[in-house]
Amino acid sequence: MRESVNRVIYDLKSFDRLTDILPDEKKKLRRFLRIYVPEVVEMLVSYQQYRRGGFDQKSMDELEMKIQKAMDSLDAALKEKQRMIGNMETMRTAAQAETVDELLNSEV
């Protein structure tokens, strides 16, 4: 499960860099993160408490698998969100480049 947590942390750092580059996207990303990140943190804290509480191993193994699946889903969602934003931004920049090119060619 540690690997999943590390992947999510890495993706969150990538989001932070992305919002530095694209501040207009910050509000959308914050809304997305405000919903899911607290849930994940709560799951992980609960899991640690249960481990310390002496819950039976079978229950803990099942819980770990479910948390692992949720972490993998969050990781995939973060990557998809980042990909969508990147695609939109590169399309916007490509359209700008084409417009500038057309304007410059019509001036000549």
N, C-alpha and C. Protein backbone atom coordinates (compact mmCIF):
# COMPACT_ATOMS: atom_id res chain seq x y z
N MET A 1 0.83 -1.19 0.00
CA MET A 1 0.00 0.00 0.00
C MET A 1 0.88 1.26 0.00
N ARG A 2 2.05 1.15 0.55
CA ARG A 2 2.96 2.30 0.60
C ARG A 2 3.26 2.83 -0.80
N GLU A 3 3.41 1.92 -1.75
CA GLU A 3 3.68 2.33 -3.13
C GLU A 3 2.53 3.17 -3.70
N SER A 4 1.31 2.77 -3.39
CA SER A 4 0.14 3.54 -3.86
C SER A 4 0.11 4.92 -3.25
N VAL A 5 0.40 4.99 -1.97
CA VAL A 5 0.43 6.29 -1.28
C VAL A 5 1.50 7.18 -1.92
N ASN A 6 2.66 6.61 -2.18
CA ASN A 6 3.74 7.39 -2.80
C ASN A 6 3.36 7.87 -4.20
N ARG A 7 2.66 7.03 -4.97
CA ARG A 7 2.22 7.44 -6.31
C ARG A 7 1.24 8.60 -6.21
N VAL A 8 0.30 8.52 -5.28
CA VAL A 8 -0.68 9.60 -5.12
C VAL A 8 0.02 10.88 -4.69
N ILE A 9 0.96 10.77 -3.77
CA ILE A 9 1.71 11.96 -3.34
C ILE A 9 2.46 12.57 -4.52
N TYR A 10 3.08 11.74 -5.34
CA TYR A 10 3.78 12.23 -6.52
C TYR A 10 2.81 12.95 -7.46
N ASP A 11 1.63 12.37 -7.67
CA ASP A 11 0.64 13.00 -8.55
C ASP A 11 0.15 14.33 -7.98
N LEU A 12 -0.01 14.38 -6.67
CA LEU A 12 -0.44 15.63 -6.05
C LEU A 12 0.62 16.72 -6.23
N LYS A 13 1.89 16.33 -6.13
CA LYS A 13 2.96 17.30 -6.38
C LYS A 13 2.95 17.75 -7.83
N SER A 14 2.64 16.84 -8.74
CA SER A 14 2.52 17.21 -10.15
C SER A 14 1.39 18.20 -10.36
N PHE A 15 0.28 18.00 -9.65
CA PHE A 15 -0.82 18.95 -9.73
C PHE A 15 -0.39 20.31 -9.24
N ASP A 16 0.40 20.33 -8.18
CA ASP A 16 0.88 21.60 -7.65
C ASP A 16 1.71 22.33 -8.69
N ARG A 17 2.59 21.61 -9.38
CA ARG A 17 3.40 22.24 -10.44
C ARG A 17 2.50 22.69 -11.59
N LEU A 18 1.49 21.90 -11.90
CA LEU A 18 0.58 22.24 -12.99
C LEU A 18 -0.18 23.53 -12.68
N THR A 19 -0.62 23.70 -11.45
CA THR A 19 -1.35 24.92 -11.11
C THR A 19 -0.44 26.14 -11.08
N ASP A 20 0.86 25.93 -10.87
CA ASP A 20 1.80 27.05 -10.99
C ASP A 20 1.86 27.52 -12.43
N ILE A 21 1.82 26.57 -13.36
CA ILE A 21 1.88 26.90 -14.78
C ILE A 21 0.53 27.42 -15.28
N LEU A 22 -0.55 26.85 -14.78
CA LEU A 22 -1.91 27.17 -15.25
C LEU A 22 -2.78 27.61 -14.08
N PRO A 23 -2.60 28.81 -13.60
CA PRO A 23 -3.34 29.25 -12.41
C PRO A 23 -4.86 29.25 -12.61
N ASP A 24 -5.35 29.36 -13.84
CA ASP A 24 -6.79 29.34 -14.07
C ASP A 24 -7.40 27.99 -13.73
N GLU A 25 -6.61 26.94 -13.78
CA GLU A 25 -7.10 25.60 -13.48
C GLU A 25 -7.10 25.30 -11.98
N LYS A 26 -6.47 26.17 -11.21
CA LYS A 26 -6.30 25.93 -9.77
C LYS A 26 -7.63 25.71 -9.06
N LYS A 27 -8.63 26.51 -9.40
CA LYS A 27 -9.93 26.40 -8.73
C LYS A 27 -10.59 25.05 -9.00
N LYS A 28 -10.55 24.60 -10.25
CA LYS A 28 -11.13 23.30 -10.60
C LYS A 28 -10.40 22.16 -9.89
N LEU A 29 -9.08 22.25 -9.88
CA LEU A 29 -8.30 21.20 -9.25
C LEU A 29 -8.51 21.18 -7.75
N ARG A 30 -8.58 22.32 -7.14
CA ARG A 30 -8.81 22.38 -5.69
C ARG A 30 -10.13 21.72 -5.34
N ARG A 31 -11.17 21.98 -6.13
CA ARG A 31 -12.47 21.38 -5.89
C ARG A 31 -12.37 19.85 -5.95
N PHE A 32 -11.69 19.35 -6.96
CA PHE A 32 -11.49 17.92 -7.13
C PHE A 32 -10.73 17.34 -5.92
N LEU A 33 -9.65 18.00 -5.56
CA LEU A 33 -8.81 17.51 -4.47
C LEU A 33 -9.50 17.62 -3.11
N ARG A 34 -10.28 18.67 -2.92
CA ARG A 34 -10.98 18.88 -1.65
C ARG A 34 -11.96 17.76 -1.35
N ILE A 35 -12.46 17.13 -2.39
CA ILE A 35 -13.42 16.04 -2.20
C ILE A 35 -12.70 14.74 -1.87
N TYR A 36 -11.66 14.40 -2.63
CA TYR A 36 -11.09 13.06 -2.55
C TYR A 36 -9.93 12.90 -1.58
N VAL A 37 -9.07 13.88 -1.48
CA VAL A 37 -7.89 13.73 -0.62
C VAL A 37 -8.27 13.52 0.84
N PRO A 38 -9.20 14.29 1.41
CA PRO A 38 -9.58 14.03 2.81
C PRO A 38 -10.12 12.61 3.03
N GLU A 39 -10.86 12.09 2.06
CA GLU A 39 -11.37 10.73 2.17
C GLU A 39 -10.24 9.72 2.25
N VAL A 40 -9.24 9.91 1.40
CA VAL A 40 -8.10 8.99 1.38
C VAL A 40 -7.33 9.07 2.69
N VAL A 41 -7.10 10.27 3.16
CA VAL A 41 -6.38 10.43 4.42
C VAL A 41 -7.16 9.76 5.56
N GLU A 42 -8.46 9.95 5.59
CA GLU A 42 -9.29 9.33 6.63
C GLU A 42 -9.20 7.80 6.55
N MET A 43 -9.24 7.25 5.34
CA MET A 43 -9.11 5.79 5.18
C MET A 43 -7.79 5.29 5.75
N LEU A 44 -6.71 5.99 5.40
CA LEU A 44 -5.39 5.55 5.84
C LEU A 44 -5.23 5.66 7.36
N VAL A 45 -5.75 6.72 7.94
CA VAL A 45 -5.70 6.88 9.40
C VAL A 45 -6.50 5.78 10.07
N SER A 46 -7.69 5.51 9.57
CA SER A 46 -8.52 4.45 10.14
C SER A 46 -7.81 3.10 10.06
N TYR A 47 -7.22 2.85 8.92
CA TYR A 47 -6.50 1.58 8.73
C TYR A 47 -5.40 1.43 9.78
N GLN A 48 -4.62 2.47 9.99
CA GLN A 48 -3.55 2.41 10.98
C GLN A 48 -4.10 2.18 12.39
N GLN A 49 -5.22 2.82 12.70
CA GLN A 49 -5.83 2.64 14.02
C GLN A 49 -6.30 1.19 14.19
N TYR A 50 -6.89 0.63 13.15
CA TYR A 50 -7.36 -0.74 13.22
C TYR A 50 -6.19 -1.71 13.41
N ARG A 51 -5.10 -1.45 12.72
CA ARG A 51 -3.91 -2.32 12.86
C ARG A 51 -3.41 -2.30 14.30
N ARG A 52 -3.39 -1.11 14.88
CA ARG A 52 -2.92 -1.00 16.28
C ARG A 52 -3.94 -1.58 17.26
N GLY A 53 -5.19 -1.62 16.81
CA GLY A 53 -6.26 -2.10 17.69
C GLY A 53 -6.39 -3.61 17.76
N GLY A 54 -5.57 -4.31 17.00
CA GLY A 54 -5.58 -5.76 17.10
C GLY A 54 -6.70 -6.44 16.34
N PHE A 55 -7.21 -5.82 15.30
CA PHE A 55 -8.24 -6.46 14.47
C PHE A 55 -7.67 -7.73 13.87
N ASP A 56 -8.53 -8.70 13.57
CA ASP A 56 -8.03 -9.96 13.03
C ASP A 56 -7.40 -9.76 11.66
N GLN A 57 -6.42 -10.59 11.35
CA GLN A 57 -5.61 -10.43 10.14
C GLN A 57 -6.43 -10.55 8.87
N LYS A 58 -7.41 -11.45 8.84
CA LYS A 58 -8.23 -11.62 7.64
C LYS A 58 -8.99 -10.33 7.32
N SER A 59 -9.57 -9.71 8.33
CA SER A 59 -10.29 -8.45 8.13
C SER A 59 -9.34 -7.36 7.65
N MET A 60 -8.15 -7.32 8.23
CA MET A 60 -7.17 -6.30 7.85
C MET A 60 -6.69 -6.51 6.42
N ASP A 61 -6.49 -7.76 6.03
CA ASP A 61 -6.06 -8.05 4.65
C ASP A 61 -7.14 -7.62 3.65
N GLU A 62 -8.39 -7.91 3.97
CA GLU A 62 -9.50 -7.50 3.09
C GLU A 62 -9.60 -5.98 3.01
N LEU A 63 -9.46 -5.34 4.16
CA LEU A 63 -9.52 -3.88 4.20
C LEU A 63 -8.37 -3.27 3.41
N GLU A 64 -7.19 -3.84 3.56
CA GLU A 64 -6.04 -3.32 2.82
C GLU A 64 -6.25 -3.44 1.32
N MET A 65 -6.82 -4.55 0.87
CA MET A 65 -7.09 -4.72 -0.56
C MET A 65 -8.08 -3.67 -1.05
N LYS A 66 -9.10 -3.39 -0.27
CA LYS A 66 -10.10 -2.38 -0.67
C LYS A 66 -9.50 -0.98 -0.69
N ILE A 67 -8.69 -0.69 0.30
CA ILE A 67 -8.03 0.62 0.33
C ILE A 67 -7.05 0.73 -0.83
N GLN A 68 -6.33 -0.34 -1.10
CA GLN A 68 -5.40 -0.36 -2.23
C GLN A 68 -6.14 -0.06 -3.53
N LYS A 69 -7.29 -0.68 -3.71
CA LYS A 69 -8.09 -0.45 -4.92
C LYS A 69 -8.55 1.00 -5.01
N ALA A 70 -8.98 1.57 -3.88
CA ALA A 70 -9.40 2.97 -3.86
C ALA A 70 -8.23 3.90 -4.17
N MET A 71 -7.04 3.58 -3.63
CA MET A 71 -5.85 4.40 -3.90
C MET A 71 -5.48 4.33 -5.37
N ASP A 72 -5.57 3.13 -5.95
CA ASP A 72 -5.26 2.98 -7.37
C ASP A 72 -6.25 3.77 -8.23
N SER A 73 -7.51 3.77 -7.82
CA SER A 73 -8.53 4.55 -8.55
C SER A 73 -8.26 6.04 -8.45
N LEU A 74 -7.86 6.49 -7.27
CA LEU A 74 -7.53 7.91 -7.10
C LEU A 74 -6.32 8.26 -7.95
N ASP A 75 -5.31 7.41 -7.95
CA ASP A 75 -4.12 7.64 -8.75
C ASP A 75 -4.49 7.76 -10.23
N ALA A 76 -5.33 6.85 -10.71
CA ALA A 76 -5.76 6.88 -12.12
C ALA A 76 -6.57 8.15 -12.41
N ALA A 77 -7.43 8.54 -11.48
CA ALA A 77 -8.24 9.75 -11.67
C ALA A 77 -7.36 11.00 -11.71
N LEU A 78 -6.36 11.05 -10.85
CA LEU A 78 -5.45 12.20 -10.85
C LEU A 78 -4.69 12.30 -12.17
N LYS A 79 -4.22 11.16 -12.65
CA LYS A 79 -3.49 11.15 -13.92
C LYS A 79 -4.40 11.55 -15.08
N GLU A 80 -5.63 11.06 -15.06
CA GLU A 80 -6.58 11.39 -16.13
C GLU A 80 -6.92 12.88 -16.09
N LYS A 81 -7.15 13.41 -14.91
CA LYS A 81 -7.45 14.84 -14.77
C LYS A 81 -6.29 15.68 -15.31
N GLN A 82 -5.09 15.28 -14.95
CA GLN A 82 -3.91 16.01 -15.40
C GLN A 82 -3.77 15.91 -16.93
N ARG A 83 -4.03 14.73 -17.48
CA ARG A 83 -3.95 14.54 -18.92
C ARG A 83 -4.98 15.40 -19.65
N MET A 84 -6.20 15.45 -19.11
CA MET A 84 -7.25 16.26 -19.74
C MET A 84 -6.89 17.74 -19.74
N ILE A 85 -6.38 18.21 -18.62
CA ILE A 85 -5.98 19.61 -18.53
C ILE A 85 -4.85 19.90 -19.51
N GLY A 86 -3.87 19.00 -19.55
CA GLY A 86 -2.76 19.17 -20.48
C GLY A 86 -3.21 19.20 -21.92
N ASN A 87 -4.13 18.30 -22.27
CA ASN A 87 -4.64 18.27 -23.64
C ASN A 87 -5.37 19.57 -23.99
N MET A 88 -6.21 20.05 -23.07
CA MET A 88 -6.94 21.29 -23.34
C MET A 88 -5.98 22.46 -23.52
N GLU A 89 -4.99 22.53 -22.67
CA GLU A 89 -4.04 23.64 -22.74
C GLU A 89 -3.19 23.58 -23.99
N THR A 90 -2.74 22.40 -24.37
CA THR A 90 -1.92 22.32 -25.59
C THR A 90 -2.76 22.60 -26.83
N MET A 91 -4.04 22.20 -26.82
CA MET A 91 -4.92 22.53 -27.95
C MET A 91 -5.12 24.04 -28.03
N ARG A 92 -5.29 24.68 -26.88
CA ARG A 92 -5.46 26.14 -26.85
C ARG A 92 -4.22 26.84 -27.40
N THR A 93 -3.05 26.38 -26.99
CA THR A 93 -1.81 27.00 -27.46
C THR A 93 -1.60 26.74 -28.95
N ALA A 94 -1.94 25.53 -29.40
CA ALA A 94 -1.82 25.21 -30.83
C ALA A 94 -2.75 26.11 -31.65
N ALA A 95 -3.95 26.35 -31.16
CA ALA A 95 -4.89 27.24 -31.86
C ALA A 95 -4.33 28.66 -31.92
N GLN A 96 -3.72 29.10 -30.84
CA GLN A 96 -3.09 30.43 -30.83
C GLN A 96 -1.99 30.50 -31.87
N ALA A 97 -1.17 29.48 -31.92
CA ALA A 97 -0.05 29.45 -32.87
C ALA A 97 -0.57 29.51 -34.31
N GLU A 98 -1.62 28.76 -34.60
CA GLU A 98 -2.20 28.77 -35.94
C GLU A 98 -2.77 30.14 -36.28
N THR A 99 -3.42 30.76 -35.31
CA THR A 99 -3.99 32.09 -35.54
C THR A 99 -2.90 33.11 -35.83
N VAL A 100 -1.85 33.09 -35.03
CA VAL A 100 -0.73 34.02 -35.25
C VAL A 100 -0.11 33.76 -36.62
N ASP A 101 0.08 32.51 -36.97
CA ASP A 101 0.66 32.16 -38.26
C ASP A 101 -0.22 32.69 -39.40
N GLU A 102 -1.52 32.47 -39.31
CA GLU A 102 -2.43 32.95 -40.35
C GLU A 102 -2.42 34.47 -40.46
N LEU A 103 -2.42 35.14 -39.31
CA LEU A 103 -2.39 36.61 -39.31
C LEU A 103 -1.09 37.13 -39.94
N LEU A 104 0.02 36.51 -39.56
CA LEU A 104 1.29 36.96 -40.12
C LEU A 104 1.37 36.68 -41.62
N ASN A 105 0.85 35.56 -42.07
CA ASN A 105 0.88 35.24 -43.49
C ASN A 105 -0.05 36.16 -44.29
N SER A 106 -1.12 36.62 -43.68
CA SER A 106 -2.03 37.51 -44.40
C SER A 106 -1.47 38.94 -44.47
N GLU A 107 -0.54 39.26 -43.60
CA GLU A 107 0.10 40.58 -43.60
C GLU A 107 1.10 40.70 -44.74
N VAL A 108 1.64 39.60 -45.17
CA VAL A 108 2.73 39.64 -46.17
C VAL A 108 2.20 39.87 -47.54
